[in-house]
PDB file of N, CA and C in Angstrom:
ATOM      1  N   MET A   1      92.606  51.215  99.781  1.00  0.00           N
ATOM      2  CA  MET A   1      92.807  50.245  98.722  1.00  0.00           C
ATOM      3  C   MET A   1      93.362  50.908  97.454  1.00  0.00           C
ATOM      4  N   LEU A   2      92.672  51.960  96.993  1.00  0.00           N
ATOM      5  CA  LEU A   2      93.134  52.663  95.800  1.00  0.00           C
ATOM      6  C   LEU A   2      93.869  53.954  96.141  1.00  0.00           C
ATOM      7  N   GLY A   3      93.892  54.314  97.418  1.00  0.00           N
ATOM      8  CA  GLY A   3      94.584  55.515  97.846  1.00  0.00           C
ATOM      9  C   GLY A   3      93.725  56.754  97.676  1.00  0.00           C
ATOM     10  N   SER A   4      94.340  57.891  97.936  1.00  0.00           N
ATOM     11  CA  SER A   4      93.632  59.164  97.763  1.00  0.00           C
ATOM     12  C   SER A   4      93.479  59.440  96.270  1.00  0.00           C
ATOM     13  N   ILE A   5      92.744  60.486  95.962  1.00  0.00           N
ATOM     14  CA  ILE A   5      92.547  60.842  94.547  1.00  0.00           C
ATOM     15  C   ILE A   5      93.887  61.130  93.877  1.00  0.00           C
ATOM     16  N   ALA A   6      94.730  61.866  94.566  1.00  0.00           N
ATOM     17  CA  ALA A   6      96.043  62.217  94.002  1.00  0.00           C
ATOM     18  C   ALA A   6      96.895  60.967  93.793  1.00  0.00           C
ATOM     19  N   GLU A   7      96.873  60.065  94.767  1.00  0.00           N
ATOM     20  CA  GLU A   7      97.637  58.816  94.631  1.00  0.00           C
ATOM     21  C   GLU A   7      97.097  57.955  93.498  1.00  0.00           C
ATOM     22  N   PHE A   8      95.761  57.878  93.390  1.00  0.00           N
ATOM     23  CA  PHE A   8      95.146  57.092  92.324  1.00  0.00           C
ATOM     24  C   PHE A   8      95.533  57.640  90.956  1.00  0.00           C
ATOM     25  N   ARG A   9      95.470  58.942  90.833  1.00  0.00           N
ATOM     26  CA  ARG A   9      95.833  59.558  89.548  1.00  0.00           C
ATOM     27  C   ARG A   9      97.291  59.300  89.207  1.00  0.00           C
ATOM     28  N   ARG A  10      98.159  59.460  90.216  1.00  0.00           N
ATOM     29  CA  ARG A  10      99.598  59.269  89.982  1.00  0.00           C
ATOM     30  C   ARG A  10      99.910  57.822  89.635  1.00  0.00           C
ATOM     31  N   LYS A  11      99.318  56.885  90.377  1.00  0.00           N
ATOM     32  CA  LYS A  11      99.669  55.482  90.204  1.00  0.00           C
ATOM     33  C   LYS A  11      98.949  54.819  89.023  1.00  0.00           C
ATOM     34  N   PHE A  12      97.649  55.133  88.837  1.00  0.00           N
ATOM     35  CA  PHE A  12      96.864  54.419  87.822  1.00  0.00           C
ATOM     36  C   PHE A  12      96.441  55.290  86.639  1.00  0.00           C
ATOM     37  N   GLU A  13      95.716  56.371  86.930  1.00  0.00           N
ATOM     38  CA  GLU A  13      95.101  57.149  85.854  1.00  0.00           C
ATOM     39  C   GLU A  13      96.113  57.701  84.859  1.00  0.00           C
ATOM     40  N   ASN A  14      97.110  58.405  85.353  1.00  0.00           N
ATOM     41  CA  ASN A  14      98.074  59.036  84.443  1.00  0.00           C
ATOM     42  C   ASN A  14      98.824  58.027  83.570  1.00  0.00           C
ATOM     43  N   PRO A  15      99.380  56.939  84.142  1.00  0.00           N
ATOM     44  CA  PRO A  15     100.067  55.978  83.271  1.00  0.00           C
ATOM     45  C   PRO A  15      99.137  55.312  82.249  1.00  0.00           C
ATOM     46  N   ILE A  16      97.906  55.022  82.658  1.00  0.00           N
ATOM     47  CA  ILE A  16      96.965  54.380  81.732  1.00  0.00           C
ATOM     48  C   ILE A  16      96.608  55.336  80.604  1.00  0.00           C
ATOM     49  N   LEU A  17      96.294  56.579  80.943  1.00  0.00           N
ATOM     50  CA  LEU A  17      95.961  57.562  79.906  1.00  0.00           C
ATOM     51  C   LEU A  17      97.153  57.853  79.004  1.00  0.00           C
ATOM     52  N   ARG A  18      98.352  57.953  79.588  1.00  0.00           N
ATOM     53  CA  ARG A  18      99.562  58.191  78.795  1.00  0.00           C
ATOM     54  C   ARG A  18      99.791  57.055  77.806  1.00  0.00           C
ATOM     55  N   SER A  19      99.507  55.823  78.235  1.00  0.00           N
ATOM     56  CA  SER A  19      99.744  54.668  77.353  1.00  0.00           C
ATOM     57  C   SER A  19      98.779  54.633  76.180  1.00  0.00           C
ATOM     58  N   ARG A  20      97.647  55.303  76.305  1.00  0.00           N
ATOM     59  CA  ARG A  20      96.642  55.306  75.235  1.00  0.00           C
ATOM     60  C   ARG A  20      96.823  56.462  74.264  1.00  0.00           C
ATOM     61  N   ASP A  21      97.776  57.312  74.525  1.00  0.00           N
ATOM     62  CA  ASP A  21      98.070  58.429  73.638  1.00  0.00           C
ATOM     63  C   ASP A  21      98.694  57.898  72.355  1.00  0.00           C
ATOM     64  N   SER A  22      98.367  58.525  71.233  1.00  0.00           N
ATOM     65  CA  SER A  22      98.888  58.046  69.949  1.00  0.00           C
ATOM     66  C   SER A  22     100.406  58.191  69.848  1.00  0.00           C
ATOM     67  N   PHE A  23     100.986  59.089  70.631  1.00  0.00           N
ATOM     68  CA  PHE A  23     102.429  59.304  70.587  1.00  0.00           C
ATOM     69  C   PHE A  23     103.150  58.618  71.747  1.00  0.00           C
ATOM     70  N   ALA A  24     102.505  57.695  72.418  1.00  0.00           N
ATOM     71  CA  ALA A  24     103.096  57.021  73.582  1.00  0.00           C
ATOM     72  C   ALA A  24     104.259  56.132  73.149  1.00  0.00           C
ATOM     73  N   SER A  25     105.281  56.128  73.969  1.00  0.00           N
ATOM     74  CA  SER A  25     106.432  55.254  73.698  1.00  0.00           C
ATOM     75  C   SER A  25     106.066  53.829  74.098  1.00  0.00           C
ATOM     76  N   ASP A  26     106.875  52.892  73.671  1.00  0.00           N
ATOM     77  CA  ASP A  26     106.641  51.491  74.031  1.00  0.00           C
ATOM     78  C   ASP A  26     106.711  51.301  75.543  1.00  0.00           C
ATOM     79  N   LYS A  27     107.612  52.047  76.181  1.00  0.00           N
ATOM     80  CA  LYS A  27     107.756  51.969  77.640  1.00  0.00           C
ATOM     81  C   LYS A  27     106.474  52.462  78.328  1.00  0.00           C
ATOM     82  N   ASP A  28     105.903  53.576  77.820  1.00  0.00           N
ATOM     83  CA  ASP A  28     104.654  54.108  78.380  1.00  0.00           C
ATOM     84  C   ASP A  28     103.498  53.131  78.175  1.00  0.00           C
ATOM     85  N   LYS A  29     103.444  52.518  77.002  1.00  0.00           N
ATOM     86  CA  LYS A  29     102.375  51.551  76.716  1.00  0.00           C
ATOM     87  C   LYS A  29     102.473  50.345  77.638  1.00  0.00           C
ATOM     88  N   GLU A  30     103.685  49.880  77.841  1.00  0.00           N
ATOM     89  CA  GLU A  30     103.913  48.727  78.725  1.00  0.00           C
ATOM     90  C   GLU A  30     103.528  49.070  80.164  1.00  0.00           C
ATOM     91  N   LYS A  31     103.933  50.239  80.617  1.00  0.00           N
ATOM     92  CA  LYS A  31     103.621  50.693  81.983  1.00  0.00           C
ATOM     93  C   LYS A  31     102.103  50.848  82.158  1.00  0.00           C
ATOM     94  N   GLY A  32     101.436  51.406  81.155  1.00  0.00           N
ATOM     95  CA  GLY A  32      99.981  51.574  81.206  1.00  0.00           C
ATOM     96  C   GLY A  32      99.252  50.246  81.281  1.00  0.00           C
ATOM     97  N   GLU A  33      99.684  49.285  80.474  1.00  0.00           N
ATOM     98  CA  GLU A  33      99.076  47.949  80.505  1.00  0.00           C
ATOM     99  C   GLU A  33      99.266  47.294  81.865  1.00  0.00           C
ATOM    100  N   GLU A  34     100.454  47.449  82.409  1.00  0.00           N
ATOM    101  CA  GLU A  34     100.772  46.881  83.722  1.00  0.00           C
ATOM    102  C   GLU A  34      99.881  47.494  84.804  1.00  0.00           C
ATOM    103  N   MET A  35      99.719  48.820  84.772  1.00  0.00           N
ATOM    104  CA  MET A  35      98.891  49.500  85.773  1.00  0.00           C
ATOM    105  C   MET A  35      97.414  49.142  85.597  1.00  0.00           C
ATOM    106  N   LEU A  36      96.984  48.981  84.344  1.00  0.00           N
ATOM    107  CA  LEU A  36      95.597  48.593  84.080  1.00  0.00           C
ATOM    108  C   LEU A  36      95.309  47.197  84.630  1.00  0.00           C
ATOM    109  N   LYS A  37      96.234  46.280  84.417  1.00  0.00           N
ATOM    110  CA  LYS A  37      96.065  44.927  84.949  1.00  0.00           C
ATOM    111  C   LYS A  37      96.031  44.934  86.473  1.00  0.00           C
ATOM    112  N   GLU A  38      96.891  45.742  87.079  1.00  0.00           N
ATOM    113  CA  GLU A  38      96.916  45.839  88.542  1.00  0.00           C
ATOM    114  C   GLU A  38      95.605  46.430  89.073  1.00  0.00           C
ATOM    115  N   LEU A  39      95.114  47.473  88.397  1.00  0.00           N
ATOM    116  CA  LEU A  39      93.856  48.096  88.795  1.00  0.00           C
ATOM    117  C   LEU A  39      92.691  47.118  88.657  1.00  0.00           C
ATOM    118  N   LEU A  40      92.640  46.406  87.558  1.00  0.00           N
ATOM    119  CA  LEU A  40      91.579  45.417  87.358  1.00  0.00           C
ATOM    120  C   LEU A  40      91.630  44.326  88.429  1.00  0.00           C
ATOM    121  N   ALA A  41      92.829  43.887  88.787  1.00  0.00           N
ATOM    122  CA  ALA A  41      92.963  42.862  89.820  1.00  0.00           C
ATOM    123  C   ALA A  41      92.434  43.373  91.159  1.00  0.00           C
ATOM    124  N   LEU A  42      92.726  44.631  91.487  1.00  0.00           N
ATOM    125  CA  LEU A  42      92.236  45.217  92.736  1.00  0.00           C
ATOM    126  C   LEU A  42      90.714  45.359  92.731  1.00  0.00           C
ATOM    127  N   VAL A  43      90.189  45.871  91.642  1.00  0.00           N
ATOM    128  CA  VAL A  43      88.753  46.138  91.556  1.00  0.00           C
ATOM    129  C   VAL A  43      87.947  44.835  91.472  1.00  0.00           C
ATOM    130  N   ASN A  44      88.445  43.861  90.741  1.00  0.00           N
ATOM    131  CA  ASN A  44      87.710  42.607  90.568  1.00  0.00           C
ATOM    132  C   ASN A  44      87.559  41.834  91.877  1.00  0.00           C
ATOM    133  N   ARG A  45      88.410  42.115  92.853  1.00  0.00           N
ATOM    134  CA  ARG A  45      88.253  41.456  94.155  1.00  0.00           C
ATOM    135  C   ARG A  45      87.010  41.962  94.876  1.00  0.00           C
ATOM    136  N   CYS A  46      86.537  43.149  94.505  1.00  0.00           N
ATOM    137  CA  CYS A  46      85.390  43.765  95.182  1.00  0.00           C
ATOM    138  C   CYS A  46      84.078  43.588  94.423  1.00  0.00           C
ATOM    139  N   ILE A  47      84.160  43.183  93.175  1.00  0.00           N
ATOM    140  CA  ILE A  47      82.963  43.053  92.344  1.00  0.00           C
ATOM    141  C   ILE A  47      82.510  41.604  92.321  1.00  0.00           C
ATOM    142  N   ILE A  48      81.238  41.404  92.592  1.00  0.00           N
ATOM    143  CA  ILE A  48      80.667  40.065  92.524  1.00  0.00           C
ATOM    144  C   ILE A  48      79.890  39.962  91.215  1.00  0.00           C
ATOM    145  N   ARG A  49      80.311  39.081  90.362  1.00  0.00           N
ATOM    146  CA  ARG A  49      79.627  38.884  89.089  1.00  0.00           C
ATOM    147  C   ARG A  49      78.778  37.627  89.180  1.00  0.00           C
ATOM    148  N   ARG A  50      77.505  37.808  88.978  1.00  0.00           N
ATOM    149  CA  ARG A  50      76.580  36.674  89.036  1.00  0.00           C
ATOM    150  C   ARG A  50      76.015  36.437  87.642  1.00  0.00           C
ATOM    151  N   THR A  51      76.427  35.372  87.032  1.00  0.00           N
ATOM    152  CA  THR A  51      75.937  35.050  85.701  1.00  0.00           C
ATOM    153  C   THR A  51      74.604  34.329  85.808  1.00  0.00           C
ATOM    154  N   ALA A  52      73.901  34.229  84.690  1.00  0.00           N
ATOM    155  CA  ALA A  52      72.599  33.566  84.676  1.00  0.00           C
ATOM    156  C   ALA A  52      72.728  32.099  85.068  1.00  0.00           C
ATOM    157  N   SER A  53      73.817  31.462  84.676  1.00  0.00           N
ATOM    158  CA  SER A  53      73.989  30.051  85.013  1.00  0.00           C
ATOM    159  C   SER A  53      74.129  29.848  86.519  1.00  0.00           C
ATOM    160  N   ILE A  54      74.766  30.791  87.204  1.00  0.00           N
ATOM    161  CA  ILE A  54      74.902  30.699  88.657  1.00  0.00           C
ATOM    162  C   ILE A  54      73.567  31.012  89.331  1.00  0.00           C
ATOM    163  N   LEU A  55      72.929  32.072  88.870  1.00  0.00           N
ATOM    164  CA  LEU A  55      71.676  32.495  89.493  1.00  0.00           C
ATOM    165  C   LEU A  55      70.550  31.495  89.294  1.00  0.00           C
ATOM    166  N   SER A  56      70.550  30.798  88.166  1.00  0.00           N
ATOM    167  CA  SER A  56      69.451  29.866  87.890  1.00  0.00           C
ATOM    168  C   SER A  56      69.368  28.748  88.928  1.00  0.00           C
ATOM    169  N   LYS A  57      70.458  28.458  89.606  1.00  0.00           N
ATOM    170  CA  LYS A  57      70.452  27.423  90.638  1.00  0.00           C
ATOM    171  C   LYS A  57      69.682  27.869  91.876  1.00  0.00           C
ATOM    172  N   TYR A  58      69.619  29.186  92.107  1.00  0.00           N
ATOM    173  CA  TYR A  58      69.060  29.709  93.346  1.00  0.00           C
ATOM    174  C   TYR A  58      67.718  30.432  93.182  1.00  0.00           C
ATOM    175  N   LEU A  59      67.368  30.784  91.962  1.00  0.00           N
ATOM    176  CA  LEU A  59      66.132  31.524  91.727  1.00  0.00           C
ATOM    177  C   LEU A  59      65.019  30.591  91.257  1.00  0.00           C
ATOM    178  N   PRO A  60      63.774  30.938  91.551  1.00  0.00           N
ATOM    179  CA  PRO A  60      62.664  30.123  91.052  1.00  0.00           C
ATOM    180  C   PRO A  60      62.527  30.272  89.542  1.00  0.00           C
ATOM    181  N   VAL A  61      61.794  29.370  88.924  1.00  0.00           N
ATOM    182  CA  VAL A  61      61.576  29.407  87.486  1.00  0.00           C
ATOM    183  C   VAL A  61      60.793  30.673  87.139  1.00  0.00           C
ATOM    184  N   LYS A  62      61.180  31.308  86.046  1.00  0.00           N
ATOM    185  CA  LYS A  62      60.513  32.530  85.619  1.00  0.00           C
ATOM    186  C   LYS A  62      59.180  32.178  84.973  1.00  0.00           C
ATOM    187  N   ILE A  63      58.125  32.799  85.456  1.00  0.00           N
ATOM    188  CA  ILE A  63      56.788  32.573  84.913  1.00  0.00           C
ATOM    189  C   ILE A  63      56.256  33.910  84.433  1.00  0.00           C
ATOM    190  N   GLU A  64      55.853  33.954  83.174  1.00  0.00           N
ATOM    191  CA  GLU A  64      55.275  35.171  82.618  1.00  0.00           C
ATOM    192  C   GLU A  64      53.783  34.981  82.461  1.00  0.00           C
ATOM    193  N   GLN A  65      53.022  35.962  82.883  1.00  0.00           N
ATOM    194  CA  GLN A  65      51.579  35.915  82.756  1.00  0.00           C
ATOM    195  C   GLN A  65      51.108  37.198  82.082  1.00  0.00           C
ATOM    196  N   VAL A  66      50.179  37.051  81.142  1.00  0.00           N
ATOM    197  CA  VAL A  66      49.582  38.203  80.490  1.00  0.00           C
ATOM    198  C   VAL A  66      48.190  38.373  81.080  1.00  0.00           C
ATOM    199  N   VAL A  67      47.954  39.530  81.656  1.00  0.00           N
ATOM    200  CA  VAL A  67      46.664  39.809  82.274  1.00  0.00           C
ATOM    201  C   VAL A  67      46.009  40.942  81.496  1.00  0.00           C
ATOM    202  N   CYS A  68      44.846  40.686  80.954  1.00  0.00           N
ATOM    203  CA  CYS A  68      44.112  41.706  80.213  1.00  0.00           C
ATOM    204  C   CYS A  68      43.085  42.351  81.131  1.00  0.00           C
ATOM    205  N   CYS A  69      43.019  43.656  81.102  1.00  0.00           N
ATOM    206  CA  CYS A  69      42.031  44.371  81.910  1.00  0.00           C
ATOM    207  C   CYS A  69      41.614  45.624  81.164  1.00  0.00           C
ATOM    208  N   LYS A  70      40.448  46.128  81.502  1.00  0.00           N
ATOM    209  CA  LYS A  70      39.945  47.331  80.859  1.00  0.00           C
ATOM    210  C   LYS A  70      40.721  48.535  81.371  1.00  0.00           C
ATOM    211  N   PRO A  71      41.017  49.472  80.481  1.00  0.00           N
ATOM    212  CA  PRO A  71      41.689  50.686  80.943  1.00  0.00           C
ATOM    213  C   PRO A  71      40.716  51.561  81.725  1.00  0.00           C
ATOM    214  N   SER A  72      41.273  52.355  82.599  1.00  0.00           N
ATOM    215  CA  SER A  72      40.447  53.297  83.348  1.00  0.00           C
ATOM    216  C   SER A  72      39.985  54.387  82.378  1.00  0.00           C
ATOM    217  N   PRO A  73      38.993  55.180  82.753  1.00  0.00           N
ATOM    218  CA  PRO A  73      38.542  56.256  81.861  1.00  0.00           C
ATOM    219  C   PRO A  73      39.676  57.218  81.473  1.00  0.00           C
ATOM    220  N   VAL A  74      40.564  57.515  82.406  1.00  0.00           N
ATOM    221  CA  VAL A  74      41.698  58.408  82.101  1.00  0.00           C
ATOM    222  C   VAL A  74      42.636  57.748  81.096  1.00  0.00           C
ATOM    223  N   GLN A  75      42.938  56.463  81.306  1.00  0.00           N
ATOM    224  CA  GLN A  75      43.820  55.750  80.378  1.00  0.00           C
ATOM    225  C   GLN A  75      43.192  55.674  78.992  1.00  0.00           C
ATOM    226  N   ALA A  76      41.887  55.425  78.919  1.00  0.00           N
ATOM    227  CA  ALA A  76      41.194  55.352  77.632  1.00  0.00           C
ATOM    228  C   ALA A  76      41.246  56.698  76.919  1.00  0.00           C
ATOM    229  N   ALA A  77      41.071  57.778  77.660  1.00  0.00           N
ATOM    230  CA  ALA A  77      41.128  59.116  77.059  1.00  0.00           C
ATOM    231  C   ALA A  77      42.517  59.418  76.525  1.00  0.00           C
ATOM    232  N   ILE A  78      43.540  59.053  77.281  1.00  0.00           N
ATOM    233  CA  ILE A  78      44.922  59.271  76.828  1.00  0.00           C
ATOM    234  C   ILE A  78      45.200  58.457  75.567  1.00  0.00           C
ATOM    235  N   TYR A  79      44.741  57.206  75.553  1.00  0.00           N
ATOM    236  CA  TYR A  79      44.946  56.340  74.382  1.00  0.00           C
ATOM    237  C   TYR A  79      44.257  56.931  73.156  1.00  0.00           C
ATOM    238  N   LYS A  80      43.014  57.376  73.313  1.00  0.00           N
ATOM    239  CA  LYS A  80      42.274  57.970  72.181  1.00  0.00           C
ATOM    240  C   LYS A  80      42.973  59.227  71.694  1.00  0.00           C
ATOM    241  N   SER A  81      43.475  60.022  72.630  1.00  0.00           N
ATOM    242  CA  SER A  81      44.206  61.231  72.260  1.00  0.00           C
ATOM    243  C   SER A  81      45.452  60.883  71.454  1.00  0.00           C
ATOM    244  N   PHE A  82      46.150  59.837  71.879  1.00  0.00           N
ATOM    245  CA  PHE A  82      47.353  59.408  71.154  1.00  0.00           C
ATOM    246  C   PHE A  82      47.011  58.903  69.759  1.00  0.00           C
ATOM    247  N   VAL A  83      45.999  58.052  69.657  1.00  0.00           N
ATOM    248  CA  VAL A  83      45.626  57.469  68.362  1.00  0.00           C
ATOM    249  C   VAL A  83      45.165  58.552  67.398  1.00  0.00           C
ATOM    250  N   ASN A  84      44.508  59.575  67.901  1.00  0.00           N
ATOM    251  CA  ASN A  84      44.014  60.650  67.047  1.00  0.00           C
ATOM    252  C   ASN A  84      45.051  61.750  66.806  1.00  0.00           C
ATOM    253  N   SER A  85      46.243  61.622  67.398  1.00  0.00           N
ATOM    254  CA  SER A  85      47.269  62.649  67.223  1.00  0.00           C
ATOM    255  C   SER A  85      47.830  62.615  65.807  1.00  0.00           C
ATOM    256  N   LYS A  86      48.389  63.731  65.388  1.00  0.00           N
ATOM    257  CA  LYS A  86      48.981  63.826  64.044  1.00  0.00           C
ATOM    258  C   LYS A  86      50.118  62.817  63.874  1.00  0.00           C
ATOM    259  N   ALA A  87      50.936  62.689  64.899  1.00  0.00           N
ATOM    260  CA  ALA A  87      52.097  61.797  64.805  1.00  0.00           C
ATOM    261  C   ALA A  87      51.660  60.347  64.618  1.00  0.00           C
ATOM    262  N   ALA A  88      50.679  59.904  65.393  1.00  0.00           N
ATOM    263  CA  ALA A  88      50.215  58.519  65.269  1.00  0.00           C
ATOM    264  C   ALA A  88      49.540  58.294  63.922  1.00  0.00           C
ATOM    265  N   ARG A  89      48.740  59.268  63.476  1.00  0.00           N
ATOM    266  CA  ARG A  89      48.076  59.128  62.174  1.00  0.00           C
ATOM    267  C   ARG A  89      49.091  59.072  61.052  1.00  0.00           C
ATOM    268  N   ALA A  90      50.173  59.828  61.162  1.00  0.00           N
ATOM    269  CA  ALA A  90      51.209  59.813  60.128  1.00  0.00           C
ATOM    270  C   ALA A  90      51.838  58.427  60.025  1.00  0.00           C
ATOM    271  N   VAL A  91      52.055  57.781  61.158  1.00  0.00           N
ATOM    272  CA  VAL A  91      52.630  56.436  61.146  1.00  0.00           C
ATOM    273  C   VAL A  91      51.639  55.440  60.567  1.00  0.00           C
ATOM    274  N   ILE A  92      50.391  55.558  60.975  1.00  0.00           N
ATOM    275  CA  ILE A  92      49.366  54.613  60.531  1.00  0.00           C
ATOM    276  C   ILE A  92      49.099  54.753  59.038  1.00  0.00           C
ATOM    277  N   THR A  93      48.973  55.979  58.525  1.00  0.00           N
ATOM    278  CA  THR A  93      48.621  56.187  57.122  1.00  0.00           C
ATOM    279  C   THR A  93      49.800  56.048  56.173  1.00  0.00           C
ATOM    280  N   ASP A  94      50.995  56.299  56.655  1.00  0.00           N
ATOM    281  CA  ASP A  94      52.163  56.262  55.772  1.00  0.00           C
ATOM    282  C   ASP A  94      53.265  55.417  56.391  1.00  0.00           C
ATOM    283  N   GLU A  95      53.010  54.131  56.555  1.00  0.00           N
ATOM    284  CA  GLU A  95      53.986  53.243  57.185  1.00  0.00           C
ATOM    285  C   GLU A  95      55.266  53.119  56.376  1.00  0.00           C
ATOM    286  N   LYS A  96      55.185  53.228  55.053  1.00  0.00           N
ATOM    287  CA  LYS A  96      56.373  53.080  54.211  1.00  0.00           C
ATOM    288  C   LYS A  96      57.370  54.197  54.479  1.00  0.00           C
ATOM    289  N   LYS A  97      56.850  55.367  54.724  1.00  0.00           N
ATOM    290  CA  LYS A  97      57.735  56.497  54.972  1.00  0.00           C
ATOM    291  C   LYS A  97      58.467  56.313  56.297  1.00  0.00           C
ATOM    292  N   GLY A  98      57.749  55.926  57.342  1.00  0.00           N
ATOM    293  CA  GLY A  98      58.355  55.592  58.624  1.00  0.00           C
ATOM    294  C   GLY A  98      59.135  56.718  59.278  1.00  0.00           C
ATOM    295  N   VAL A  99      58.760  57.955  59.006  1.00  0.00           N
ATOM    296  CA  VAL A  99      59.483  59.082  59.575  1.00  0.00           C
ATOM    297  C   VAL A  99      59.275  59.150  61.084  1.00  0.00           C
ATOM    298  N   VAL A 100      58.075  58.894  61.517  1.00  0.00           N
ATOM    299  CA  VAL A 100      57.749  58.985  62.929  1.00  0.00           C
ATOM    300  C   VAL A 100      57.685  57.576  63.503  1.00  0.00           C
ATOM    301  N   THR A 101      58.506  57.307  64.486  1.00  0.00           N
ATOM    302  CA  THR A 101      58.465  56.007  65.149  1.00  0.00           C
ATOM    303  C   THR A 101      57.472  56.069  66.296  1.00  0.00           C
ATOM    304  N   ALA A 102      57.107  54.929  66.816  1.00  0.00           N
ATOM    305  CA  ALA A 102      56.164  54.890  67.934  1.00  0.00           C
ATOM    306  C   ALA A 102      56.719  55.661  69.121  1.00  0.00           C
ATOM    307  N   LEU A 103      58.004  55.521  69.381  1.00  0.00           N
ATOM    308  CA  LEU A 103      58.616  56.220  70.509  1.00  0.00           C
ATOM    309  C   LEU A 103      58.570  57.727  70.332  1.00  0.00           C
ATOM    310  N   SER A 104      58.881  58.194  69.142  1.00  0.00           N
ATOM    311  CA  SER A 104      58.843  59.641  68.921  1.00  0.00           C
ATOM    312  C   SER A 104      57.407  60.152  68.961  1.00  0.00           C
ATOM    313  N   ALA A 105      56.452  59.341  68.522  1.00  0.00           N
ATOM    314  CA  ALA A 105      55.048  59.753  68.598  1.00  0.00           C
ATOM    315  C   ALA A 105      54.609  59.894  70.049  1.00  0.00           C
ATOM    316  N   ILE A 106      55.054  58.972  70.884  1.00  0.00           N
ATOM    317  CA  ILE A 106      54.702  59.025  72.313  1.00  0.00           C
ATOM    318  C   ILE A 106      55.360  60.240  72.956  1.00  0.00           C
ATOM    319  N   THR A 107      56.598  60.508  72.636  1.00  0.00           N
ATOM    320  CA  THR A 107      57.277  61.657  73.248  1.00  0.00           C
ATOM    321  C   THR A 107      56.689  62.968  72.775  1.00  0.00           C
ATOM    322  N   ASN A 108      56.056  62.981  71.595  1.00  0.00           N
ATOM    323  CA  ASN A 108      55.409  64.201  71.116  1.00  0.00           C
ATOM    324  C   ASN A 108      54.166  64.541  71.928  1.00  0.00           C
ATOM    325  N   LEU A 109      53.639  63.597  72.673  1.00  0.00           N
ATOM    326  CA  LEU A 109      52.452  63.839  73.478  1.00  0.00           C
ATOM    327  C   LEU A 109      52.731  64.727  74.673  1.00  0.00           C
ATOM    328  N   LYS A 110      53.977  64.899  75.042  1.00  0.00           N
ATOM    329  CA  LYS A 110      54.310  65.674  76.241  1.00  0.00           C
ATOM    330  C   LYS A 110      53.727  67.032  76.204  1.00  0.00           C
TER     331      LYS A 110
END
């Protein structure tokens, strides 16, 4: 469909890249656009795009449930360790500063 690597580069990659160069001639830009359109037409025949409007006809209704449960002893220990960490305390005590985000505090636990 797209040929060998060498054929693909010769037919599609090189003209497309040449057309995007700041010093490309109008002829190169036109050729690149033409090859890009041809490549997109070839590739789009193989890609199935399923939008939410199409999928909603075939999928069941989405139901979200929140289930509360007690953490295991290991999970509770990890949580306490996180809450007592320097990074978490810095966020809690100095929210205005906001230097440490929740994500960075969690990654500091590693």
